[in-house]
Amino acid sequence: MKRCKRLRILLPAVTVFLELLPFGAVLNFANPDGEAFRRTFSYFDLTPFGYANFAPLITAIFTCIIFILSLISLVKEGQMLTKTVKVISLVAFFVSLAPLSYDISAFSVVGAMISILLLSNSWLNFYLDKHY
């Protein structure tokens, strides 16, 4: 059980750390001569949001909420808190996959790792909800 509590904090913390790195959110631009180039940003950067790539910032906000709720769960145990984290993690996972609707080039390896961590966090909370 102690190990699960550590994972409850560790997964969102690592996810927030990856979102802070400037390699997660992707914007593809074109030169005047038609050649495309790619720029990457932090999930917390407002530049992708300004270019109508809303998913990274929304994912980052959800992840911060998950992290705060996970910290609260250390002090206060509750099935409702676990269910809330589970649902928000699942929603954040699906929102983090939204750049794939543009093109695979709008997704990065760091973005894929963030999505995997969010799904893992949701799975962990499903497990805790069933067994504890």
N, C-alpha and C. Protein backbone atom coordinates (compact mmCIF):
# COMPACT_ATOMS: atom_id res chain seq x y z
N MET A 1 0.81 -1.20 0.00
CA MET A 1 0.00 0.00 0.00
C MET A 1 0.85 1.25 0.00
N LYS A 2 1.96 1.20 0.75
CA LYS A 2 2.86 2.35 0.80
C LYS A 2 3.44 2.63 -0.59
N ARG A 3 3.71 1.56 -1.31
CA ARG A 3 4.27 1.69 -2.65
C ARG A 3 3.27 2.37 -3.59
N CYS A 4 2.00 2.02 -3.46
CA CYS A 4 0.96 2.64 -4.28
C CYS A 4 0.81 4.12 -3.96
N LYS A 5 0.96 4.47 -2.68
CA LYS A 5 0.87 5.88 -2.31
C LYS A 5 2.01 6.68 -2.91
N ARG A 6 3.19 6.08 -2.94
CA ARG A 6 4.33 6.76 -3.57
C ARG A 6 4.09 6.94 -5.07
N LEU A 7 3.56 5.91 -5.70
CA LEU A 7 3.26 5.99 -7.14
C LEU A 7 2.18 7.03 -7.42
N ARG A 8 1.23 7.17 -6.50
CA ARG A 8 0.17 8.16 -6.67
C ARG A 8 0.73 9.57 -6.77
N ILE A 9 1.84 9.83 -6.09
CA ILE A 9 2.48 11.14 -6.13
C ILE A 9 3.51 11.19 -7.26
N LEU A 10 4.24 10.11 -7.43
CA LEU A 10 5.34 10.08 -8.39
C LEU A 10 4.87 10.24 -9.84
N LEU A 11 3.82 9.54 -10.22
CA LEU A 11 3.35 9.61 -11.61
C LEU A 11 2.93 11.04 -12.01
N PRO A 12 2.08 11.72 -11.22
CA PRO A 12 1.76 13.10 -11.60
C PRO A 12 2.96 14.05 -11.53
N ALA A 13 3.87 13.81 -10.58
CA ALA A 13 5.04 14.68 -10.46
C ALA A 13 5.94 14.56 -11.69
N VAL A 14 6.16 13.33 -12.14
CA VAL A 14 6.97 13.12 -13.36
C VAL A 14 6.26 13.70 -14.57
N THR A 15 4.94 13.57 -14.61
CA THR A 15 4.18 14.12 -15.72
C THR A 15 4.29 15.63 -15.77
N VAL A 16 4.18 16.30 -14.63
CA VAL A 16 4.33 17.76 -14.59
C VAL A 16 5.75 18.15 -15.00
N PHE A 17 6.74 17.39 -14.55
CA PHE A 17 8.12 17.67 -14.95
C PHE A 17 8.29 17.59 -16.47
N LEU A 18 7.74 16.54 -17.08
CA LEU A 18 7.84 16.40 -18.54
C LEU A 18 7.09 17.53 -19.26
N GLU A 19 5.99 17.98 -18.68
CA GLU A 19 5.25 19.07 -19.29
C GLU A 19 6.00 20.40 -19.20
N LEU A 20 6.86 20.52 -18.21
CA LEU A 20 7.67 21.74 -18.09
C LEU A 20 8.79 21.80 -19.13
N LEU A 21 9.22 20.66 -19.60
CA LEU A 21 10.30 20.63 -20.61
C LEU A 21 9.82 21.25 -21.92
N PRO A 22 10.70 21.93 -22.63
CA PRO A 22 10.28 22.60 -23.88
C PRO A 22 10.25 21.69 -25.10
N PHE A 23 9.85 20.44 -24.92
CA PHE A 23 9.86 19.49 -26.04
C PHE A 23 8.51 18.81 -26.25
N GLY A 24 7.47 19.18 -25.52
CA GLY A 24 6.21 18.45 -25.54
C GLY A 24 5.24 18.91 -26.59
N ALA A 25 4.87 20.19 -26.55
CA ALA A 25 3.88 20.72 -27.49
C ALA A 25 4.56 21.07 -28.82
N VAL A 26 3.93 20.72 -29.90
CA VAL A 26 4.54 20.88 -31.23
C VAL A 26 3.69 21.83 -32.08
N LEU A 27 4.39 22.72 -32.77
CA LEU A 27 3.75 23.56 -33.80
C LEU A 27 4.54 23.39 -35.09
N ASN A 28 3.84 23.19 -36.17
CA ASN A 28 4.45 23.07 -37.49
C ASN A 28 4.17 24.35 -38.28
N PHE A 29 5.23 24.94 -38.79
CA PHE A 29 5.13 26.18 -39.57
C PHE A 29 5.66 25.92 -40.99
N ALA A 30 5.43 26.88 -41.86
CA ALA A 30 5.94 26.78 -43.23
C ALA A 30 6.68 28.07 -43.58
N ASN A 31 7.81 27.92 -44.25
CA ASN A 31 8.56 29.07 -44.78
C ASN A 31 7.81 29.65 -45.96
N PRO A 32 8.15 30.86 -46.37
CA PRO A 32 7.51 31.41 -47.58
C PRO A 32 7.75 30.56 -48.83
N ASP A 33 8.86 29.83 -48.85
CA ASP A 33 9.11 28.98 -50.01
C ASP A 33 8.44 27.60 -49.88
N GLY A 34 7.63 27.40 -48.84
CA GLY A 34 6.85 26.18 -48.71
C GLY A 34 7.48 25.08 -47.89
N GLU A 35 8.70 25.28 -47.42
CA GLU A 35 9.37 24.26 -46.63
C GLU A 35 8.85 24.30 -45.18
N ALA A 36 8.46 23.16 -44.67
CA ALA A 36 7.89 23.09 -43.32
C ALA A 36 9.00 22.95 -42.28
N PHE A 37 8.78 23.55 -41.13
CA PHE A 37 9.68 23.35 -40.00
C PHE A 37 8.87 23.22 -38.73
N ARG A 38 9.47 22.59 -37.76
CA ARG A 38 8.78 22.22 -36.54
C ARG A 38 9.42 22.92 -35.34
N ARG A 39 8.57 23.44 -34.44
CA ARG A 39 9.05 24.05 -33.19
C ARG A 39 8.33 23.38 -32.04
N THR A 40 9.05 23.15 -30.97
CA THR A 40 8.45 22.53 -29.79
C THR A 40 8.45 23.51 -28.63
N PHE A 41 7.47 23.34 -27.74
CA PHE A 41 7.27 24.24 -26.61
C PHE A 41 6.91 23.43 -25.38
N SER A 42 6.95 24.09 -24.24
CA SER A 42 6.46 23.50 -23.01
C SER A 42 4.94 23.42 -23.07
N TYR A 43 4.37 22.49 -22.32
CA TYR A 43 2.92 22.39 -22.26
C TYR A 43 2.31 23.63 -21.60
N PHE A 44 3.10 24.32 -20.76
CA PHE A 44 2.61 25.50 -20.06
C PHE A 44 2.80 26.79 -20.86
N ASP A 45 3.47 26.71 -21.99
CA ASP A 45 3.69 27.88 -22.84
C ASP A 45 2.39 28.26 -23.55
N LEU A 46 2.14 29.56 -23.65
CA LEU A 46 0.90 30.02 -24.28
C LEU A 46 1.00 30.14 -25.80
N THR A 47 2.18 29.97 -26.35
CA THR A 47 2.33 30.07 -27.81
C THR A 47 1.49 29.04 -28.56
N PRO A 48 1.53 27.75 -28.21
CA PRO A 48 0.66 26.79 -28.90
C PRO A 48 -0.82 27.12 -28.73
N PHE A 49 -1.19 27.60 -27.55
CA PHE A 49 -2.58 27.98 -27.30
C PHE A 49 -2.99 29.11 -28.24
N GLY A 50 -2.08 30.06 -28.49
CA GLY A 50 -2.36 31.16 -29.40
C GLY A 50 -2.49 30.72 -30.85
N TYR A 51 -1.86 29.61 -31.18
CA TYR A 51 -1.96 29.05 -32.54
C TYR A 51 -3.02 27.95 -32.61
N ALA A 52 -3.98 27.97 -31.70
CA ALA A 52 -5.14 27.07 -31.68
C ALA A 52 -4.79 25.63 -31.38
N ASN A 53 -3.68 25.39 -30.71
CA ASN A 53 -3.36 24.06 -30.21
C ASN A 53 -3.66 24.08 -28.70
N PHE A 54 -4.92 23.86 -28.35
CA PHE A 54 -5.38 24.03 -26.99
C PHE A 54 -5.04 22.86 -26.07
N ALA A 55 -4.85 21.71 -26.62
CA ALA A 55 -4.71 20.48 -25.84
C ALA A 55 -3.53 20.51 -24.85
N PRO A 56 -2.34 20.98 -25.22
CA PRO A 56 -1.25 20.93 -24.24
C PRO A 56 -1.52 21.73 -22.97
N LEU A 57 -2.04 22.93 -23.08
CA LEU A 57 -2.29 23.73 -21.89
C LEU A 57 -3.41 23.12 -21.04
N ILE A 58 -4.46 22.63 -21.68
CA ILE A 58 -5.55 21.99 -20.94
C ILE A 58 -5.05 20.73 -20.23
N THR A 59 -4.21 19.96 -20.91
CA THR A 59 -3.61 18.78 -20.29
C THR A 59 -2.76 19.16 -19.09
N ALA A 60 -1.98 20.23 -19.23
CA ALA A 60 -1.13 20.69 -18.13
C ALA A 60 -1.95 21.13 -16.93
N ILE A 61 -3.06 21.81 -17.17
CA ILE A 61 -3.92 22.24 -16.07
C ILE A 61 -4.53 21.02 -15.38
N PHE A 62 -5.02 20.06 -16.15
CA PHE A 62 -5.57 18.84 -15.57
C PHE A 62 -4.50 18.09 -14.75
N THR A 63 -3.28 18.06 -15.25
CA THR A 63 -2.22 17.35 -14.54
C THR A 63 -1.89 18.03 -13.22
N CYS A 64 -1.91 19.35 -13.20
CA CYS A 64 -1.68 20.07 -11.94
C CYS A 64 -2.79 19.77 -10.94
N ILE A 65 -4.02 19.70 -11.42
CA ILE A 65 -5.14 19.35 -10.54
C ILE A 65 -4.97 17.93 -10.00
N ILE A 66 -4.55 17.01 -10.86
CA ILE A 66 -4.31 15.63 -10.44
C ILE A 66 -3.22 15.59 -9.38
N PHE A 67 -2.15 16.34 -9.58
CA PHE A 67 -1.05 16.36 -8.62
C PHE A 67 -1.50 16.89 -7.27
N ILE A 68 -2.27 17.98 -7.28
CA ILE A 68 -2.77 18.55 -6.02
C ILE A 68 -3.71 17.57 -5.31
N LEU A 69 -4.60 16.95 -6.07
CA LEU A 69 -5.51 15.97 -5.46
C LEU A 69 -4.75 14.75 -4.93
N SER A 70 -3.68 14.38 -5.60
CA SER A 70 -2.87 13.25 -5.12
C SER A 70 -2.16 13.61 -3.81
N LEU A 71 -1.71 14.86 -3.71
CA LEU A 71 -1.10 15.30 -2.45
C LEU A 71 -2.13 15.30 -1.33
N ILE A 72 -3.34 15.74 -1.63
CA ILE A 72 -4.41 15.74 -0.63
C ILE A 72 -4.74 14.32 -0.20
N SER A 73 -4.65 13.38 -1.13
CA SER A 73 -4.98 11.98 -0.80
C SER A 73 -3.99 11.37 0.17
N LEU A 74 -2.80 11.96 0.32
CA LEU A 74 -1.86 11.46 1.32
C LEU A 74 -2.38 11.74 2.72
N VAL A 75 -3.04 12.88 2.87
CA VAL A 75 -3.55 13.28 4.18
C VAL A 75 -4.94 12.71 4.43
N LYS A 76 -5.78 12.78 3.41
CA LYS A 76 -7.17 12.36 3.57
C LYS A 76 -7.46 11.21 2.61
N GLU A 77 -7.73 10.07 3.17
CA GLU A 77 -8.11 8.91 2.36
C GLU A 77 -9.58 9.02 2.00
N GLY A 78 -9.91 8.58 0.82
CA GLY A 78 -11.32 8.58 0.44
C GLY A 78 -11.51 8.00 -0.94
N GLN A 79 -12.58 7.25 -1.07
CA GLN A 79 -12.87 6.62 -2.35
C GLN A 79 -13.29 7.66 -3.38
N MET A 80 -13.97 8.72 -2.92
CA MET A 80 -14.41 9.77 -3.84
C MET A 80 -13.21 10.51 -4.44
N LEU A 81 -12.19 10.72 -3.62
CA LEU A 81 -10.98 11.39 -4.10
C LEU A 81 -10.27 10.53 -5.15
N THR A 82 -10.21 9.23 -4.90
CA THR A 82 -9.61 8.31 -5.86
C THR A 82 -10.38 8.29 -7.17
N LYS A 83 -11.70 8.29 -7.08
CA LYS A 83 -12.52 8.30 -8.29
C LYS A 83 -12.34 9.59 -9.07
N THR A 84 -12.23 10.70 -8.36
CA THR A 84 -12.03 11.99 -9.02
C THR A 84 -10.71 12.02 -9.78
N VAL A 85 -9.65 11.56 -9.13
CA VAL A 85 -8.34 11.52 -9.80
C VAL A 85 -8.38 10.58 -11.00
N LYS A 86 -9.08 9.47 -10.84
CA LYS A 86 -9.20 8.49 -11.92
C LYS A 86 -9.87 9.11 -13.14
N VAL A 87 -10.97 9.82 -12.93
CA VAL A 87 -11.72 10.41 -14.04
C VAL A 87 -10.94 11.55 -14.69
N ILE A 88 -10.34 12.41 -13.86
CA ILE A 88 -9.57 13.53 -14.42
C ILE A 88 -8.36 13.01 -15.19
N SER A 89 -7.73 11.96 -14.70
CA SER A 89 -6.59 11.37 -15.42
C SER A 89 -7.01 10.82 -16.77
N LEU A 90 -8.15 10.19 -16.81
CA LEU A 90 -8.65 9.63 -18.07
C LEU A 90 -9.00 10.75 -19.05
N VAL A 91 -9.64 11.79 -18.57
CA VAL A 91 -9.97 12.94 -19.44
C VAL A 91 -8.69 13.60 -19.94
N ALA A 92 -7.72 13.78 -19.04
CA ALA A 92 -6.44 14.39 -19.44
C ALA A 92 -5.72 13.53 -20.48
N PHE A 93 -5.82 12.21 -20.33
CA PHE A 93 -5.22 11.31 -21.31
C PHE A 93 -5.81 11.53 -22.70
N PHE A 94 -7.14 11.58 -22.78
CA PHE A 94 -7.78 11.77 -24.09
C PHE A 94 -7.50 13.16 -24.66
N VAL A 95 -7.44 14.17 -23.80
CA VAL A 95 -7.11 15.52 -24.27
C VAL A 95 -5.67 15.56 -24.77
N SER A 96 -4.78 14.83 -24.11
CA SER A 96 -3.37 14.83 -24.53
C SER A 96 -3.18 14.18 -25.90
N LEU A 97 -4.13 13.37 -26.31
CA LEU A 97 -4.05 12.74 -27.64
C LEU A 97 -4.65 13.61 -28.75
N ALA A 98 -5.24 14.73 -28.40
CA ALA A 98 -5.90 15.59 -29.38
C ALA A 98 -4.97 16.08 -30.50
N PRO A 99 -3.68 16.39 -30.25
CA PRO A 99 -2.83 16.81 -31.38
C PRO A 99 -2.70 15.76 -32.47
N LEU A 100 -2.98 14.50 -32.16
CA LEU A 100 -2.94 13.47 -33.20
C LEU A 100 -4.04 13.67 -34.25
N SER A 101 -5.06 14.44 -33.90
CA SER A 101 -6.13 14.70 -34.88
C SER A 101 -5.63 15.60 -36.01
N TYR A 102 -4.57 16.39 -35.74
CA TYR A 102 -3.98 17.21 -36.80
C TYR A 102 -3.14 16.35 -37.73
N ASP A 103 -2.15 15.71 -37.13
CA ASP A 103 -1.21 14.90 -37.89
C ASP A 103 -0.24 14.26 -36.89
N ILE A 104 0.41 13.20 -37.28
CA ILE A 104 1.38 12.56 -36.39
C ILE A 104 2.56 13.50 -36.14
N SER A 105 2.84 14.40 -37.06
CA SER A 105 3.96 15.33 -36.87
C SER A 105 3.64 16.40 -35.81
N ALA A 106 2.38 16.50 -35.38
CA ALA A 106 2.01 17.44 -34.33
C ALA A 106 2.14 16.82 -32.94
N PHE A 107 2.69 15.63 -32.88
CA PHE A 107 2.85 14.90 -31.62
C PHE A 107 4.33 14.62 -31.42
N SER A 108 4.78 14.66 -30.19
CA SER A 108 6.20 14.43 -29.91
C SER A 108 6.37 13.20 -29.02
N VAL A 109 7.60 12.78 -28.87
CA VAL A 109 7.90 11.64 -28.01
C VAL A 109 7.58 12.00 -26.56
N VAL A 110 7.91 13.23 -26.16
CA VAL A 110 7.59 13.68 -24.80
C VAL A 110 6.07 13.70 -24.61
N GLY A 111 5.33 14.13 -25.61
CA GLY A 111 3.88 14.11 -25.55
C GLY A 111 3.34 12.70 -25.39
N ALA A 112 3.96 11.74 -26.07
CA ALA A 112 3.55 10.35 -25.93
C ALA A 112 3.85 9.83 -24.53
N MET A 113 4.99 10.21 -23.96
CA MET A 113 5.32 9.80 -22.60
C MET A 113 4.34 10.39 -21.59
N ILE A 114 3.94 11.64 -21.81
CA ILE A 114 2.95 12.28 -20.94
C ILE A 114 1.63 11.53 -21.01
N SER A 115 1.21 11.18 -22.22
CA SER A 115 -0.03 10.43 -22.38
C SER A 115 0.03 9.07 -21.68
N ILE A 116 1.15 8.38 -21.80
CA ILE A 116 1.31 7.08 -21.16
C ILE A 116 1.28 7.23 -19.64
N LEU A 117 1.91 8.27 -19.12
CA LEU A 117 1.89 8.48 -17.67
C LEU A 117 0.48 8.80 -17.16
N LEU A 118 -0.26 9.58 -17.93
CA LEU A 118 -1.63 9.89 -17.53
C LEU A 118 -2.51 8.64 -17.54
N LEU A 119 -2.34 7.81 -18.55
CA LEU A 119 -3.09 6.56 -18.60
C LEU A 119 -2.68 5.63 -17.46
N SER A 120 -1.39 5.59 -17.15
CA SER A 120 -0.91 4.77 -16.04
C SER A 120 -1.47 5.26 -14.71
N ASN A 121 -1.55 6.56 -14.55
CA ASN A 121 -2.11 7.14 -13.33
C ASN A 121 -3.58 6.77 -13.20
N SER A 122 -4.30 6.82 -14.29
CA SER A 122 -5.70 6.44 -14.26
C SER A 122 -5.84 4.96 -13.92
N TRP A 123 -5.03 4.13 -14.52
CA TRP A 123 -5.07 2.70 -14.23
C TRP A 123 -4.75 2.43 -12.77
N LEU A 124 -3.74 3.12 -12.22
CA LEU A 124 -3.37 2.95 -10.82
C LEU A 124 -4.55 3.30 -9.91
N ASN A 125 -5.25 4.36 -10.23
CA ASN A 125 -6.39 4.74 -9.40
C ASN A 125 -7.57 3.79 -9.58
N PHE A 126 -7.73 3.20 -10.77
CA PHE A 126 -8.73 2.14 -10.95
C PHE A 126 -8.38 0.96 -10.04
N TYR A 127 -7.12 0.61 -10.01
CA TYR A 127 -6.65 -0.51 -9.18
C TYR A 127 -6.88 -0.22 -7.70
N LEU A 128 -6.52 0.98 -7.26
CA LEU A 128 -6.70 1.34 -5.85
C LEU A 128 -8.17 1.40 -5.48
N ASP A 129 -8.99 1.85 -6.40
CA ASP A 129 -10.42 1.94 -6.16
C ASP A 129 -11.03 0.55 -5.93
N LYS A 130 -10.52 -0.45 -6.65
CA LYS A 130 -11.04 -1.81 -6.53
C LYS A 130 -10.51 -2.56 -5.32
N HIS A 131 -9.23 -2.35 -5.00
CA HIS A 131 -8.57 -3.18 -4.00
C HIS A 131 -8.43 -2.55 -2.62
N TYR A 132 -8.68 -1.25 -2.49
CA TYR A 132 -8.51 -0.62 -1.16
C TYR A 132 -9.69 0.22 -0.80
